[in-house]
Structure formats: C-alpha cells, structure tokens
Amino acid sequence: MKHNIMRWLYGILAVTVLVMMTLEILNRAWYNVFLCVLTLILFSIPSFVERRIKIDIPDVLEIVVLLFVFMAEILGEMKDFYRSFPYWDIILHTTNGFMCAAIGLALINILNNSPRFALSLSPLFVVIVAFCFANTIGVLWEFFEYGMDTFFGMDMQKNTILPSGAVDIGLIDTMEDLFVNFVGSVVFSVFGYFYVKHKGQGRVVNNVLLTRMTDEDADNQ
C-alpha cells in the first residue's frame, strides 16, 4: 500500500514539475527552468541509489525526500514561499537535520552490522557520528548559500532589517538554519540511540532507516 502511495506521489509531483517547466520555457525564465530540471534530477536519486548502490530506501523516507525537494525547490525557490511563509525555511532545515541524521546512522549501522568489518561500535558512538554527519551537511549547505550570494548575486541568506535599523546580511538566517538543523538531528539521534541499543527495535527509525539490499531484492527493483 505504501509503495503504491509513493508511486502515485512521484507521478503527480513529476508531472507538476514538467508542466511548470514547460510554462517557464515559454516565459523564457531560464533560472526557473534550471530549478525544474534540478528537481527532476533530485527526484531520481532514490531510485538510482536503490538500483545501482543496492541500498533500500524505506517508502516513508522516500516520500519525505520527494516532498522535501518539491517544497524546497519548487515552492520555496520558484514560488517564493521562503518569503511568503516565515517558518517555511525553519521547517525544511529541521527536516533536513532529521533526515541527514537518519542517513548518517544508516551508513555507520550498515558497517557496524556487516560481517566484512570487525566493528562493534557502541550505540552512543553511532548516534554521535550520525549527529555530526547531519550538522556537517547543514554547515556545508550554509557555505553553498554564502557562495551563491557572493558570486551570483542571489539572496539565499535572507537580509533582515534589525530593530535598530541596521541591515543584517544573513547572519540571523544562517544561525537560525544551523540551530533548527541541530534540533532535527538531536531529535533523531535520541530515537537512533535506543534503536541501536535495543538492536533494531523502534518504529520511527525503521520507517526511515536505509538498509543494504540482498542480491535478490536488488534484482526485483
């Protein structure tokens, strides 16, 4: 049932992006066309990971990823939801922290459970690695925003008029993004700790945790 929901959601979002891209091509809005192409590429990454790298992505996580990309690129950038809805950016960065912590935990957990590696890492160490991975991704994204603003004249680090009348050139936006990314990663790390400690018990983590496919599962993709 969940797999069918994911397929329908992917189809609806992909068709929506294609229609919007066609309209943007007619309007010669090439930056928006680029965002649509980027969105379609990002939509294809989960399928690529499953087929080529043989990592199973749970349907729940794949649905979250699809919605996240659509909300960030199409609604956030193209439709300017970042400015229209003050908490839009906060929601996305919090979700990003949660998802990246899940990916970080999955990567180290796959190694920890692999017979090819003589590793037996403690639950605390595993979640620390996941936490650090998520926050490193958050920092790298802020570097990207700074680079786009500096070299391409964009305003990804939103300028803010302070009560004193001074103009903040992105520090507040950057710190807010890093903080909510931190919160998202902490929330998942708590769930992740008990998941690893109790050897795979935990519905929340199981619904979003990447796992290695068997050869038979990979062939059925």
N, C-alpha and C. Protein backbone atom coordinates (compact mmCIF):
# COMPACT_ATOMS: atom_id res chain seq x y z
N MET A 1 0.83 -1.20 0.00
CA MET A 1 0.00 0.00 0.00
C MET A 1 0.87 1.26 0.00
N LYS A 2 1.88 1.28 0.89
CA LYS A 2 2.76 2.44 0.96
C LYS A 2 3.53 2.62 -0.34
N HIS A 3 3.93 1.49 -0.95
CA HIS A 3 4.68 1.57 -2.19
C HIS A 3 3.84 2.21 -3.29
N ASN A 4 2.54 1.89 -3.33
CA ASN A 4 1.64 2.49 -4.32
C ASN A 4 1.47 3.98 -4.07
N ILE A 5 1.38 4.37 -2.81
CA ILE A 5 1.26 5.79 -2.48
C ILE A 5 2.49 6.54 -2.96
N MET A 6 3.66 5.95 -2.76
CA MET A 6 4.90 6.58 -3.18
C MET A 6 4.94 6.75 -4.69
N ARG A 7 4.50 5.72 -5.43
CA ARG A 7 4.49 5.79 -6.88
C ARG A 7 3.54 6.88 -7.38
N TRP A 8 2.35 6.96 -6.79
CA TRP A 8 1.39 7.98 -7.18
C TRP A 8 1.93 9.38 -6.86
N LEU A 9 2.52 9.52 -5.71
CA LEU A 9 3.07 10.81 -5.32
C LEU A 9 4.17 11.24 -6.27
N TYR A 10 5.07 10.30 -6.60
CA TYR A 10 6.15 10.61 -7.54
C TYR A 10 5.57 11.05 -8.88
N GLY A 11 4.57 10.32 -9.38
CA GLY A 11 3.97 10.66 -10.66
C GLY A 11 3.33 12.04 -10.65
N ILE A 12 2.58 12.33 -9.60
CA ILE A 12 1.89 13.63 -9.51
C ILE A 12 2.91 14.77 -9.44
N LEU A 13 3.94 14.61 -8.60
CA LEU A 13 4.94 15.67 -8.46
C LEU A 13 5.74 15.85 -9.74
N ALA A 14 6.12 14.74 -10.38
CA ALA A 14 6.91 14.82 -11.61
C ALA A 14 6.12 15.51 -12.72
N VAL A 15 4.85 15.15 -12.88
CA VAL A 15 4.01 15.79 -13.90
C VAL A 15 3.84 17.27 -13.61
N THR A 16 3.65 17.60 -12.34
CA THR A 16 3.51 19.00 -11.95
C THR A 16 4.75 19.80 -12.32
N VAL A 17 5.92 19.23 -12.03
CA VAL A 17 7.18 19.92 -12.34
C VAL A 17 7.35 20.06 -13.85
N LEU A 18 7.00 19.04 -14.61
CA LEU A 18 7.12 19.10 -16.06
C LEU A 18 6.21 20.17 -16.66
N VAL A 19 5.00 20.28 -16.15
CA VAL A 19 4.07 21.32 -16.63
C VAL A 19 4.62 22.70 -16.31
N MET A 20 5.12 22.86 -15.08
CA MET A 20 5.68 24.15 -14.69
C MET A 20 6.92 24.48 -15.52
N MET A 21 7.74 23.48 -15.82
CA MET A 21 8.93 23.72 -16.62
C MET A 21 8.56 24.17 -18.03
N THR A 22 7.52 23.56 -18.59
CA THR A 22 7.07 23.95 -19.92
C THR A 22 6.62 25.41 -19.94
N LEU A 23 5.88 25.81 -18.92
CA LEU A 23 5.42 27.20 -18.83
C LEU A 23 6.60 28.16 -18.66
N GLU A 24 7.59 27.76 -17.89
CA GLU A 24 8.75 28.62 -17.68
C GLU A 24 9.59 28.74 -18.95
N ILE A 25 9.64 27.66 -19.75
CA ILE A 25 10.35 27.72 -21.02
C ILE A 25 9.67 28.72 -21.95
N LEU A 26 8.33 28.69 -21.98
CA LEU A 26 7.58 29.63 -22.81
C LEU A 26 7.80 31.07 -22.35
N ASN A 27 7.99 31.25 -21.03
CA ASN A 27 8.22 32.59 -20.47
C ASN A 27 9.70 32.98 -20.51
N ARG A 28 10.54 32.07 -20.99
CA ARG A 28 11.98 32.29 -21.05
C ARG A 28 12.58 32.61 -19.67
N ALA A 29 12.00 31.98 -18.65
CA ALA A 29 12.52 32.13 -17.28
C ALA A 29 13.51 30.99 -17.04
N TRP A 30 14.73 31.17 -17.50
CA TRP A 30 15.68 30.07 -17.55
C TRP A 30 16.14 29.62 -16.17
N TYR A 31 16.19 30.52 -15.21
CA TYR A 31 16.58 30.09 -13.86
C TYR A 31 15.54 29.14 -13.29
N ASN A 32 14.26 29.44 -13.52
CA ASN A 32 13.20 28.56 -13.05
C ASN A 32 13.22 27.23 -13.79
N VAL A 33 13.57 27.28 -15.08
CA VAL A 33 13.72 26.03 -15.84
C VAL A 33 14.82 25.17 -15.22
N PHE A 34 15.93 25.83 -14.85
CA PHE A 34 17.02 25.10 -14.19
C PHE A 34 16.54 24.46 -12.89
N LEU A 35 15.75 25.18 -12.10
CA LEU A 35 15.23 24.62 -10.85
C LEU A 35 14.35 23.41 -11.11
N CYS A 36 13.55 23.46 -12.17
CA CYS A 36 12.70 22.31 -12.51
C CYS A 36 13.54 21.11 -12.91
N VAL A 37 14.55 21.33 -13.73
CA VAL A 37 15.44 20.24 -14.14
C VAL A 37 16.15 19.66 -12.92
N LEU A 38 16.65 20.53 -12.05
CA LEU A 38 17.32 20.08 -10.83
C LEU A 38 16.38 19.25 -9.97
N THR A 39 15.13 19.69 -9.86
CA THR A 39 14.14 18.96 -9.06
C THR A 39 13.91 17.56 -9.62
N LEU A 40 13.79 17.44 -10.94
CA LEU A 40 13.58 16.12 -11.55
C LEU A 40 14.79 15.21 -11.33
N ILE A 41 15.99 15.80 -11.38
CA ILE A 41 17.20 15.01 -11.11
C ILE A 41 17.20 14.52 -9.67
N LEU A 42 16.87 15.40 -8.74
CA LEU A 42 16.83 15.02 -7.33
C LEU A 42 15.76 13.96 -7.07
N PHE A 43 14.64 14.05 -7.79
CA PHE A 43 13.60 13.04 -7.66
C PHE A 43 14.11 11.65 -8.02
N SER A 44 15.05 11.57 -8.95
CA SER A 44 15.53 10.28 -9.44
C SER A 44 16.61 9.66 -8.56
N ILE A 45 17.15 10.42 -7.61
CA ILE A 45 18.26 9.91 -6.80
C ILE A 45 17.87 8.68 -5.97
N PRO A 46 16.71 8.68 -5.28
CA PRO A 46 16.37 7.47 -4.51
C PRO A 46 16.34 6.20 -5.36
N SER A 47 15.76 6.28 -6.55
CA SER A 47 15.73 5.11 -7.43
C SER A 47 17.13 4.70 -7.85
N PHE A 48 17.99 5.69 -8.13
CA PHE A 48 19.37 5.40 -8.51
C PHE A 48 20.10 4.69 -7.37
N VAL A 49 19.92 5.17 -6.16
CA VAL A 49 20.59 4.58 -5.00
C VAL A 49 20.15 3.13 -4.82
N GLU A 50 18.86 2.87 -4.98
CA GLU A 50 18.36 1.51 -4.79
C GLU A 50 18.87 0.56 -5.88
N ARG A 51 18.87 1.02 -7.12
CA ARG A 51 19.23 0.13 -8.23
C ARG A 51 20.73 -0.05 -8.40
N ARG A 52 21.48 1.01 -8.23
CA ARG A 52 22.91 0.94 -8.53
C ARG A 52 23.76 0.66 -7.29
N ILE A 53 23.40 1.25 -6.17
CA ILE A 53 24.21 1.09 -4.95
C ILE A 53 23.65 -0.02 -4.07
N LYS A 54 22.44 -0.49 -4.39
CA LYS A 54 21.79 -1.58 -3.66
C LYS A 54 21.57 -1.24 -2.19
N ILE A 55 21.07 -0.03 -1.98
CA ILE A 55 20.66 0.41 -0.65
C ILE A 55 19.16 0.62 -0.67
N ASP A 56 18.45 -0.05 0.20
CA ASP A 56 16.98 0.06 0.24
C ASP A 56 16.57 1.31 1.00
N ILE A 57 15.74 2.13 0.36
CA ILE A 57 15.21 3.34 0.99
C ILE A 57 13.76 3.08 1.36
N PRO A 58 13.41 3.11 2.63
CA PRO A 58 12.02 2.87 3.02
C PRO A 58 11.07 3.85 2.34
N ASP A 59 9.86 3.38 2.06
CA ASP A 59 8.89 4.22 1.36
C ASP A 59 8.61 5.52 2.12
N VAL A 60 8.55 5.43 3.45
CA VAL A 60 8.28 6.64 4.24
C VAL A 60 9.35 7.69 4.01
N LEU A 61 10.61 7.26 4.05
CA LEU A 61 11.71 8.20 3.82
C LEU A 61 11.69 8.73 2.39
N GLU A 62 11.39 7.86 1.43
CA GLU A 62 11.35 8.31 0.04
C GLU A 62 10.25 9.34 -0.18
N ILE A 63 9.11 9.15 0.46
CA ILE A 63 8.02 10.12 0.37
C ILE A 63 8.45 11.46 0.97
N VAL A 64 9.12 11.39 2.12
CA VAL A 64 9.60 12.63 2.77
C VAL A 64 10.60 13.34 1.87
N VAL A 65 11.50 12.58 1.24
CA VAL A 65 12.51 13.17 0.36
C VAL A 65 11.85 13.87 -0.83
N LEU A 66 10.88 13.21 -1.46
CA LEU A 66 10.19 13.80 -2.60
C LEU A 66 9.48 15.10 -2.21
N LEU A 67 8.76 15.06 -1.10
CA LEU A 67 8.07 16.26 -0.63
C LEU A 67 9.05 17.36 -0.25
N PHE A 68 10.15 16.97 0.38
CA PHE A 68 11.17 17.93 0.79
C PHE A 68 11.74 18.67 -0.42
N VAL A 69 12.10 17.91 -1.46
CA VAL A 69 12.67 18.52 -2.67
C VAL A 69 11.66 19.45 -3.32
N PHE A 70 10.41 19.01 -3.43
CA PHE A 70 9.38 19.83 -4.05
C PHE A 70 9.14 21.11 -3.25
N MET A 71 9.07 20.97 -1.95
CA MET A 71 8.84 22.14 -1.09
C MET A 71 10.01 23.11 -1.12
N ALA A 72 11.23 22.58 -1.23
CA ALA A 72 12.41 23.45 -1.21
C ALA A 72 12.63 24.15 -2.55
N GLU A 73 12.60 23.39 -3.64
CA GLU A 73 12.97 23.94 -4.94
C GLU A 73 11.80 24.62 -5.65
N ILE A 74 10.66 23.95 -5.70
CA ILE A 74 9.53 24.48 -6.47
C ILE A 74 8.75 25.52 -5.65
N LEU A 75 8.28 25.11 -4.47
CA LEU A 75 7.50 26.05 -3.66
C LEU A 75 8.39 27.10 -3.02
N GLY A 76 9.54 26.67 -2.47
CA GLY A 76 10.41 27.61 -1.78
C GLY A 76 11.08 28.60 -2.69
N GLU A 77 11.77 28.11 -3.72
CA GLU A 77 12.53 28.99 -4.61
C GLU A 77 11.67 29.60 -5.71
N MET A 78 10.95 28.78 -6.46
CA MET A 78 10.19 29.29 -7.60
C MET A 78 9.00 30.13 -7.16
N LYS A 79 8.26 29.65 -6.18
CA LYS A 79 7.05 30.34 -5.73
C LYS A 79 7.31 31.26 -4.54
N ASP A 80 8.56 31.35 -4.13
CA ASP A 80 8.99 32.29 -3.09
C ASP A 80 8.29 32.08 -1.75
N PHE A 81 8.05 30.81 -1.41
CA PHE A 81 7.42 30.52 -0.12
C PHE A 81 8.33 30.90 1.04
N TYR A 82 9.65 30.97 0.78
CA TYR A 82 10.56 31.35 1.85
C TYR A 82 10.24 32.74 2.39
N ARG A 83 9.78 33.62 1.52
CA ARG A 83 9.44 34.98 1.96
C ARG A 83 7.97 35.07 2.37
N SER A 84 7.12 34.31 1.68
CA SER A 84 5.67 34.40 1.96
C SER A 84 5.31 33.75 3.29
N PHE A 85 6.03 32.70 3.65
CA PHE A 85 5.75 31.97 4.90
C PHE A 85 7.01 31.97 5.74
N PRO A 86 7.04 32.75 6.81
CA PRO A 86 8.28 32.93 7.60
C PRO A 86 8.88 31.63 8.14
N TYR A 87 8.04 30.63 8.40
CA TYR A 87 8.54 29.41 9.02
C TYR A 87 8.85 28.32 7.99
N TRP A 88 8.70 28.62 6.72
CA TRP A 88 8.96 27.63 5.68
C TRP A 88 10.40 27.12 5.74
N ASP A 89 11.34 28.06 5.83
CA ASP A 89 12.75 27.71 5.88
C ASP A 89 13.08 26.89 7.13
N ILE A 90 12.47 27.27 8.25
CA ILE A 90 12.72 26.57 9.52
C ILE A 90 12.24 25.12 9.44
N ILE A 91 11.06 24.92 8.87
CA ILE A 91 10.51 23.57 8.73
C ILE A 91 11.45 22.70 7.89
N LEU A 92 11.92 23.25 6.78
CA LEU A 92 12.77 22.46 5.89
C LEU A 92 14.12 22.14 6.51
N HIS A 93 14.73 23.11 7.19
CA HIS A 93 16.03 22.85 7.79
C HIS A 93 15.92 21.89 8.98
N THR A 94 14.83 21.94 9.71
CA THR A 94 14.62 20.98 10.79
C THR A 94 14.47 19.57 10.22
N THR A 95 13.68 19.47 9.15
CA THR A 95 13.50 18.18 8.48
C THR A 95 14.83 17.67 7.93
N ASN A 96 15.62 18.59 7.37
CA ASN A 96 16.93 18.20 6.84
C ASN A 96 17.83 17.61 7.92
N GLY A 97 17.84 18.24 9.09
CA GLY A 97 18.64 17.71 10.20
C GLY A 97 18.21 16.31 10.59
N PHE A 98 16.89 16.08 10.62
CA PHE A 98 16.35 14.77 10.98
C PHE A 98 16.75 13.73 9.93
N MET A 99 16.54 14.07 8.63
CA MET A 99 16.84 13.12 7.56
C MET A 99 18.33 12.81 7.46
N CYS A 100 19.18 13.84 7.58
CA CYS A 100 20.62 13.61 7.45
C CYS A 100 21.14 12.78 8.61
N ALA A 101 20.57 12.97 9.80
CA ALA A 101 20.96 12.13 10.93
C ALA A 101 20.56 10.68 10.67
N ALA A 102 19.40 10.49 10.04
CA ALA A 102 18.96 9.13 9.70
C ALA A 102 19.92 8.49 8.69
N ILE A 103 20.33 9.26 7.71
CA ILE A 103 21.27 8.74 6.71
C ILE A 103 22.61 8.43 7.35
N GLY A 104 23.09 9.33 8.21
CA GLY A 104 24.36 9.10 8.89
C GLY A 104 24.34 7.86 9.75
N LEU A 105 23.25 7.68 10.50
CA LEU A 105 23.13 6.48 11.34
C LEU A 105 23.08 5.23 10.48
N ALA A 106 22.36 5.30 9.35
CA ALA A 106 22.25 4.13 8.48
C ALA A 106 23.60 3.73 7.93
N LEU A 107 24.40 4.71 7.51
CA LEU A 107 25.71 4.39 6.92
C LEU A 107 26.62 3.69 7.92
N ILE A 108 26.69 4.21 9.13
CA ILE A 108 27.57 3.61 10.13
C ILE A 108 26.98 2.30 10.64
N ASN A 109 25.64 2.20 10.66
CA ASN A 109 24.99 0.98 11.13
C ASN A 109 25.19 -0.16 10.14
N ILE A 110 25.20 0.15 8.84
CA ILE A 110 25.45 -0.87 7.82
C ILE A 110 26.85 -1.46 8.00
N LEU A 111 27.83 -0.58 8.25
CA LEU A 111 29.19 -1.07 8.50
C LEU A 111 29.26 -1.86 9.81
N ASN A 112 28.57 -1.36 10.80
CA ASN A 112 28.61 -1.98 12.13
C ASN A 112 28.05 -3.40 12.10
N ASN A 113 27.07 -3.64 11.20
CA ASN A 113 26.42 -4.94 11.13
C ASN A 113 26.97 -5.83 10.02
N SER A 114 27.95 -5.32 9.27
CA SER A 114 28.49 -6.10 8.16
C SER A 114 29.53 -7.10 8.65
N PRO A 115 29.43 -8.36 8.20
CA PRO A 115 30.43 -9.37 8.60
C PRO A 115 31.81 -9.09 8.00
N ARG A 116 31.90 -8.20 7.01
CA ARG A 116 33.17 -7.89 6.38
C ARG A 116 34.05 -6.97 7.23
N PHE A 117 33.45 -6.32 8.22
CA PHE A 117 34.19 -5.37 9.03
C PHE A 117 34.16 -5.81 10.49
N ALA A 118 35.33 -5.77 11.11
CA ALA A 118 35.44 -6.16 12.51
C ALA A 118 35.13 -4.96 13.40
N LEU A 119 33.88 -4.51 13.30
CA LEU A 119 33.46 -3.34 14.08
C LEU A 119 32.35 -3.74 15.03
N SER A 120 32.39 -3.20 16.20
CA SER A 120 31.30 -3.36 17.15
C SER A 120 31.21 -2.06 17.93
N LEU A 121 30.53 -1.10 17.34
CA LEU A 121 30.50 0.25 17.90
C LEU A 121 29.37 0.39 18.90
N SER A 122 29.60 1.17 19.92
CA SER A 122 28.59 1.40 20.95
C SER A 122 27.46 2.25 20.39
N PRO A 123 26.24 2.12 20.93
CA PRO A 123 25.12 2.96 20.46
C PRO A 123 25.43 4.45 20.55
N LEU A 124 26.11 4.87 21.61
CA LEU A 124 26.42 6.29 21.78
C LEU A 124 27.34 6.78 20.67
N PHE A 125 28.35 5.99 20.33
CA PHE A 125 29.27 6.39 19.26
C PHE A 125 28.54 6.47 17.93
N VAL A 126 27.65 5.52 17.66
CA VAL A 126 26.92 5.51 16.40
C VAL A 126 26.08 6.78 16.26
N VAL A 127 25.36 7.16 17.30
CA VAL A 127 24.50 8.34 17.20
C VAL A 127 25.33 9.63 17.17
N ILE A 128 26.50 9.63 17.80
CA ILE A 128 27.37 10.80 17.71
C ILE A 128 27.83 11.01 16.27
N VAL A 129 28.18 9.91 15.61
CA VAL A 129 28.58 10.00 14.20
C VAL A 129 27.41 10.51 13.35
N ALA A 130 26.21 9.98 13.60
CA ALA A 130 25.02 10.41 12.86
C ALA A 130 24.75 11.90 13.10
N PHE A 131 24.86 12.31 14.35
CA PHE A 131 24.65 13.72 14.71
C PHE A 131 25.66 14.62 14.02
N CYS A 132 26.91 14.24 14.04
CA CYS A 132 27.97 15.05 13.41
C CYS A 132 27.80 15.09 11.89
N PHE A 133 27.40 13.98 11.30
CA PHE A 133 27.16 13.93 9.86
C PHE A 133 26.06 14.92 9.48
N ALA A 134 24.95 14.91 10.22
CA ALA A 134 23.82 15.79 9.91
C ALA A 134 24.22 17.25 10.02
N ASN A 135 24.97 17.60 11.05
CA ASN A 135 25.33 19.00 11.24
C ASN A 135 26.42 19.45 10.28
N THR A 136 27.27 18.53 9.85
CA THR A 136 28.25 18.86 8.81
C THR A 136 27.55 19.20 7.50
N ILE A 137 26.53 18.41 7.15
CA ILE A 137 25.75 18.70 5.94
C ILE A 137 25.09 20.08 6.07
N GLY A 138 24.57 20.39 7.26
CA GLY A 138 23.96 21.70 7.48
C GLY A 138 24.95 22.84 7.27
N VAL A 139 26.18 22.67 7.77
CA VAL A 139 27.21 23.69 7.61
C VAL A 139 27.60 23.84 6.14
N LEU A 140 27.76 22.72 5.43
CA LEU A 140 28.11 22.77 4.02
C LEU A 140 27.03 23.47 3.21
N TRP A 141 25.77 23.28 3.58
CA TRP A 141 24.69 23.98 2.87
C TRP A 141 24.79 25.49 3.08
N GLU A 142 25.12 25.89 4.29
CA GLU A 142 25.27 27.33 4.54
C GLU A 142 26.45 27.90 3.76
N PHE A 143 27.51 27.12 3.59
CA PHE A 143 28.61 27.54 2.73
C PHE A 143 28.10 27.75 1.29
N PHE A 144 27.25 26.82 0.84
CA PHE A 144 26.69 26.92 -0.50
C PHE A 144 25.86 28.19 -0.64
N GLU A 145 25.01 28.47 0.33
CA GLU A 145 24.19 29.69 0.28
C GLU A 145 25.07 30.94 0.23
N TYR A 146 26.11 30.97 1.05
CA TYR A 146 27.03 32.10 1.06
C TYR A 146 27.71 32.26 -0.31
N GLY A 147 28.13 31.14 -0.88
CA GLY A 147 28.79 31.20 -2.18
C GLY A 147 27.86 31.70 -3.27
N MET A 148 26.60 31.24 -3.26
CA MET A 148 25.64 31.69 -4.27
C MET A 148 25.35 33.19 -4.12
N ASP A 149 25.26 33.66 -2.89
CA ASP A 149 25.02 35.09 -2.66
C ASP A 149 26.23 35.92 -3.07
N THR A 150 27.42 35.42 -2.78
CA THR A 150 28.65 36.18 -3.03
C THR A 150 29.00 36.24 -4.51
N PHE A 151 28.91 35.10 -5.19
CA PHE A 151 29.41 35.02 -6.56
C PHE A 151 28.32 35.17 -7.64
N PHE A 152 27.06 34.94 -7.26
CA PHE A 152 25.99 35.02 -8.26
C PHE A 152 24.93 36.05 -7.92
N GLY A 153 25.17 36.83 -6.86
CA GLY A 153 24.26 37.93 -6.53
C GLY A 153 22.88 37.51 -6.08
N MET A 154 22.74 36.29 -5.53
CA MET A 154 21.45 35.82 -5.05
C MET A 154 21.24 36.26 -3.60
N ASP A 155 20.11 35.91 -3.05
CA ASP A 155 19.81 36.29 -1.67
C ASP A 155 19.29 35.07 -0.91
N MET A 156 20.09 33.99 -0.93
CA MET A 156 19.69 32.78 -0.22
C MET A 156 19.81 32.97 1.29
N GLN A 157 20.80 33.76 1.72
CA GLN A 157 20.90 34.14 3.14
C GLN A 157 20.11 35.43 3.29
N LYS A 158 18.87 35.32 3.66
CA LYS A 158 17.94 36.43 3.60
C LYS A 158 18.40 37.61 4.46
N ASN A 159 18.41 38.80 3.83
CA ASN A 159 18.73 40.02 4.57
C ASN A 159 17.59 40.36 5.53
N THR A 160 17.93 40.92 6.68
CA THR A 160 16.96 41.24 7.72
C THR A 160 17.19 42.65 8.24
N ILE A 161 16.10 43.41 8.38
CA ILE A 161 16.18 44.73 9.00
C ILE A 161 16.03 44.55 10.50
N LEU A 162 17.08 44.90 11.25
CA LEU A 162 17.06 44.75 12.70
C LEU A 162 16.29 45.90 13.34
N PRO A 163 15.82 45.73 14.59
CA PRO A 163 15.09 46.81 15.28
C PRO A 163 15.87 48.13 15.34
N SER A 164 17.17 48.04 15.36
CA SER A 164 17.99 49.25 15.41
C SER A 164 18.02 49.99 14.07
N GLY A 165 17.50 49.32 13.02
CA GLY A 165 17.54 49.91 11.69
C GLY A 165 18.69 49.41 10.85
N ALA A 166 19.62 48.68 11.48
CA ALA A 166 20.75 48.12 10.74
C ALA A 166 20.28 46.95 9.88
N VAL A 167 21.04 46.66 8.84
CA VAL A 167 20.72 45.55 7.93
C VAL A 167 21.63 44.37 8.25
N ASP A 168 21.02 43.26 8.63
CA ASP A 168 21.79 42.03 8.83
C ASP A 168 21.92 41.33 7.47
N ILE A 169 23.13 40.95 7.09
CA ILE A 169 23.36 40.41 5.75
C ILE A 169 23.39 38.88 5.73
N GLY A 170 22.59 38.28 6.58
CA GLY A 170 22.43 36.84 6.52
C GLY A 170 22.84 36.07 7.76
N LEU A 171 23.43 36.74 8.75
CA LEU A 171 23.89 36.03 9.93
C LEU A 171 22.73 35.40 10.69
N ILE A 172 21.64 36.16 10.85
CA ILE A 172 20.50 35.63 11.60
C ILE A 172 19.91 34.42 10.88
N ASP A 173 19.75 34.52 9.57
CA ASP A 173 19.20 33.41 8.80
C ASP A 173 20.11 32.18 8.92
N THR A 174 21.41 32.39 8.82
CA THR A 174 22.36 31.28 8.91
C THR A 174 22.30 30.61 10.27
N MET A 175 22.28 31.40 11.33
CA MET A 175 22.26 30.85 12.69
C MET A 175 20.95 30.13 12.97
N GLU A 176 19.84 30.68 12.48
CA GLU A 176 18.56 30.00 12.65
C GLU A 176 18.56 28.66 11.92
N ASP A 177 19.09 28.66 10.69
CA ASP A 177 19.14 27.41 9.92
C ASP A 177 19.98 26.36 10.63
N LEU A 178 21.15 26.78 11.13
CA LEU A 178 22.03 25.83 11.82
C LEU A 178 21.39 25.32 13.11
N PHE A 179 20.69 26.20 13.80
CA PHE A 179 20.08 25.80 15.08
C PHE A 179 18.97 24.78 14.86
N VAL A 180 18.06 25.03 13.90
CA VAL A 180 16.96 24.09 13.70
C VAL A 180 17.46 22.79 13.07
N ASN A 181 18.52 22.87 12.27
CA ASN A 181 19.17 21.65 11.77
C ASN A 181 19.71 20.83 12.94
N PHE A 182 20.30 21.53 13.90
CA PHE A 182 20.80 20.90 15.13
C PHE A 182 19.66 20.23 15.88
N VAL A 183 18.52 20.92 16.01
CA VAL A 183 17.37 20.36 16.73
C VAL A 183 16.87 19.09 16.05
N GLY A 184 16.74 19.15 14.73
CA GLY A 184 16.28 17.96 13.99
C GLY A 184 17.21 16.79 14.17
N SER A 185 18.52 17.04 14.14
CA SER A 185 19.49 15.96 14.30
C SER A 185 19.48 15.39 15.71
N VAL A 186 19.26 16.24 16.71
CA VAL A 186 19.19 15.77 18.10
C VAL A 186 17.97 14.88 18.29
N VAL A 187 16.83 15.29 17.74
CA VAL A 187 15.60 14.50 17.88
C VAL A 187 15.80 13.10 17.30
N PHE A 188 16.36 13.04 16.09
CA PHE A 188 16.56 11.71 15.51
C PHE A 188 17.61 10.93 16.30
N SER A 189 18.66 11.60 16.77
CA SER A 189 19.72 10.91 17.49
C SER A 189 19.18 10.23 18.75
N VAL A 190 18.19 10.84 19.39
CA VAL A 190 17.58 10.21 20.58
C VAL A 190 16.89 8.91 20.17
N PHE A 191 16.08 8.98 19.10
CA PHE A 191 15.44 7.75 18.61
C PHE A 191 16.49 6.73 18.17
N GLY A 192 17.52 7.23 17.48
CA GLY A 192 18.56 6.35 16.96
C GLY A 192 19.33 5.63 18.06
N TYR A 193 19.56 6.30 19.17
CA TYR A 193 20.29 5.69 20.28
C TYR A 193 19.56 4.45 20.79
N PHE A 194 18.26 4.59 21.04
CA PHE A 194 17.50 3.47 21.57
C PHE A 194 17.31 2.39 20.50
N TYR A 195 17.26 2.80 19.23
CA TYR A 195 17.17 1.81 18.16
C TYR A 195 18.40 0.92 18.15
N VAL A 196 19.58 1.52 18.19
CA VAL A 196 20.82 0.74 18.16
C VAL A 196 20.99 -0.05 19.45
N LYS A 197 20.67 0.58 20.57
CA LYS A 197 20.83 -0.10 21.87
C LYS A 197 19.96 -1.34 21.97
N HIS A 198 18.75 -1.26 21.43
CA HIS A 198 17.82 -2.40 21.51
C HIS A 198 17.83 -3.22 20.23
N LYS A 199 18.91 -3.06 19.45
CA LYS A 199 19.18 -3.92 18.28
C LYS A 199 18.03 -3.95 17.28
N GLY A 200 17.66 -2.78 16.81
CA GLY A 200 16.71 -2.68 15.71
C GLY A 200 15.27 -2.55 16.09
N GLN A 201 14.98 -2.27 17.34
CA GLN A 201 13.60 -2.09 17.76
C GLN A 201 13.28 -0.59 17.81
N GLY A 202 12.28 -0.21 17.07
CA GLY A 202 11.88 1.20 17.05
C GLY A 202 11.20 1.53 15.73
N ARG A 203 9.89 1.80 15.79
CA ARG A 203 9.13 2.02 14.57
C ARG A 203 9.57 3.28 13.83
N VAL A 204 9.86 4.34 14.56
CA VAL A 204 10.23 5.60 13.92
C VAL A 204 11.49 5.42 13.07
N VAL A 205 12.52 4.81 13.65
CA VAL A 205 13.79 4.64 12.94
C VAL A 205 13.64 3.63 11.81
N ASN A 206 12.92 2.55 12.04
CA ASN A 206 12.74 1.54 11.00
C ASN A 206 12.05 2.10 9.76
N ASN A 207 11.20 3.10 9.94
CA ASN A 207 10.48 3.69 8.82
C ASN A 207 11.35 4.60 7.96
N VAL A 208 12.51 5.01 8.47
CA VAL A 208 13.35 5.95 7.72
C VAL A 208 14.79 5.47 7.56
N LEU A 209 15.11 4.27 8.01
CA LEU A 209 16.50 3.83 8.02
C LEU A 209 16.86 3.10 6.73
N LEU A 210 17.94 3.53 6.10
CA LEU A 210 18.45 2.84 4.92
C LEU A 210 19.05 1.50 5.34
N THR A 211 18.88 0.49 4.49
CA THR A 211 19.45 -0.82 4.76
C THR A 211 20.05 -1.37 3.47
N ARG A 212 20.99 -2.27 3.61
CA ARG A 212 21.62 -2.88 2.44
C ARG A 212 20.70 -3.95 1.86
N MET A 213 20.55 -3.93 0.54
CA MET A 213 19.72 -4.93 -0.13
C MET A 213 20.48 -6.24 -0.32
N THR A 214 19.73 -7.33 -0.36
CA THR A 214 20.30 -8.59 -0.83
C THR A 214 20.29 -8.56 -2.36
N ASP A 215 21.04 -9.45 -2.98
CA ASP A 215 21.07 -9.52 -4.45
C ASP A 215 19.68 -9.81 -5.01
N GLU A 216 18.90 -10.61 -4.31
CA GLU A 216 17.55 -10.94 -4.78
C GLU A 216 16.65 -9.72 -4.73
N ASP A 217 16.74 -8.94 -3.65
CA ASP A 217 15.93 -7.73 -3.54
C ASP A 217 16.31 -6.74 -4.63
N ALA A 218 17.61 -6.61 -4.89
CA ALA A 218 18.08 -5.67 -5.91
C ALA A 218 17.55 -6.05 -7.29
N ASP A 219 17.49 -7.36 -7.58
CA ASP A 219 17.00 -7.82 -8.87
C ASP A 219 15.53 -7.55 -9.06
N ASN A 220 14.79 -7.44 -7.94
CA ASN A 220 13.35 -7.20 -8.02
C ASN A 220 12.99 -5.73 -8.14
N GLN A 221 14.00 -4.84 -8.05
CA GLN A 221 13.72 -3.42 -8.14
C GLN A 221 13.42 -3.02 -9.59
